[in-house]
Structures are given as C-alpha cells and as structure tokens.
Amino acid sequence: MACNDLKCYAVIFAGGVGSRMRGAKVPKQFLELGGKPIIAHTIDHFEKHPLVAGVVVVCVASGMDHMREIVEGAHYSKVLSIVPGGETGQDSIFNGLSELNRLGVTGEDSIVLIHDGVRPLIDEQTITACIDSVSQYGPTATVAPSPETIIEEENGVVERVVDRSRCKLARAPQGFKFNDIYAEHLRARKEGRHDFIDSISLMAHYGHKAHTVEGPADNIKVTTQRDFFAFKGFVDYKEMEQLWPL
C-alpha cells in the first residue's frame, strides 16, 4: 500500500526537565534559537510533512500552558493534542499513544512515528524513509553511522573491540504500525515494566524484528549546553548555505 494511502501520525516527546542543561532556567525543549523554541523547530518538520496527518505532543506537566502558547502562536494545524508526560520516558510515550487511541487512530495501516522534541534537525527525507520502511517492514529505527570505535569493557579492562562497520547510533524518529506498538506498550504495563529505554527496545523484547533507515549526521539530540551550541552551528551553516551556495 502506498504511503499516501496510510494514516501517519507523530508522537513528539517533550517531557524532560533539562537536568543535564546546566544553567538553563527553562526546560531544554523551550530554549530558543532564532526567536523560536527548540520544540517548535522540531514540530515544524512534522507540521510541514505531506504524509503526516496529525501530531500529539507529550509535554512535561509544568510546561503545559507554555506549550499551548507555542502551538497557538505558531498556528499549527496538525497538532491534535498536548498531553502531560509520565514518570518515565516509556510512560510518557504511552500517554501519547493512548491519546492517539482516544482520538480514534486505529486500523492495521495506521503508522506512528515517535520522535524526541529536542531533536530539531530531522529532515523531510528521513521522515519519509521511516514511513516507507514501516509500511514495508514494520518497526523501524532511524540510525547514524558510528564515527568512532566502540569497545566493551568491564572494570576498566577492554573485553571486546566491536566491528565499527556493524555499529550504528540509534536516533529518532522510530516508526511502528500503531496497533502493534500500542498493544506492546499495554503488554509491558500489565507486566509492570516501565524501564524500557525506547520503543524499539520494547518491541525487540517482545520478539519484533526492527529495520533501520539512515538519517543525517546532524540529527542530534539537544541535551547539554554543548549540544545546544552544536545545534546553533548547524542552523547558522544552513542559513549561510542558502545565502552562498557551495
């Protein structure tokens, strides 16, 4: 089935409080660059994507009012709901999925992309590739090549040097058929599991094989001051490219 026959949605997780962003007075997703908060830079990509029908934003509870102001101020037409996060990242994603379910997003062909609100450098091509992969294969993780050698160590001793050509950095979005990911999140909750690091890990735990699509190297997650300045550098570079194409 062609992607334009599918219903594609996004859950954007902006539930963090920015504990690693030392010195910041607001949660990291609300830090501004160019007069726009990071979360808005992120939402823009899904708002503009022709295959995305709707977006649910999961926000830290203390920032709900500010998030509503951002959405209303930007006149986003695809943001369907803003819901509070949970105690863990897994719980927060479940809240977003539950909201989609409440809104009637069902059916075996419905796709959901789960994305970090502080990963603002995602692009249209990667979103499309992720949707295409989910429609063909099922669970899909966006990845990037590992630029450095990975080792396994124990107590300060190198146990194994991993073949770098086989290593990837897990990034976002992660994509799934909605019914599949929602069912497995429900299953995890019934089993008392709230500690999965991400939804791909959850799906793998329950026997689902995941595929990958490669995203841009600059698709970073802004969690520290250094990340923020890297984000600013990428944005400045892209603006310069538009003025003076290389």
Foldseek 3Di string as FASTA:
>chain_A
DDLLVFAEEEEEEAADAQPQAPPDPGRQQQDDDPRAGLLVLQVVQLLPAPSHQAYEYEYAPVCPVVVVVNCVVVVRPRHPYYHYADPDPLRSVLVRLVVCVVVPPDDQRYKYWYAYSQQNPFHNVVVVVQSVCCNPAFKEWEWAQDPDWDFDDDPPHTPGTDDSVPDIHTHDTIMGRSVVLNVLSVVCVVVVHDDDPDSVSSVVVVPGDYYYDYTDPLSDGPNYPVNVVSVNVVVVVVVVCVVPPD
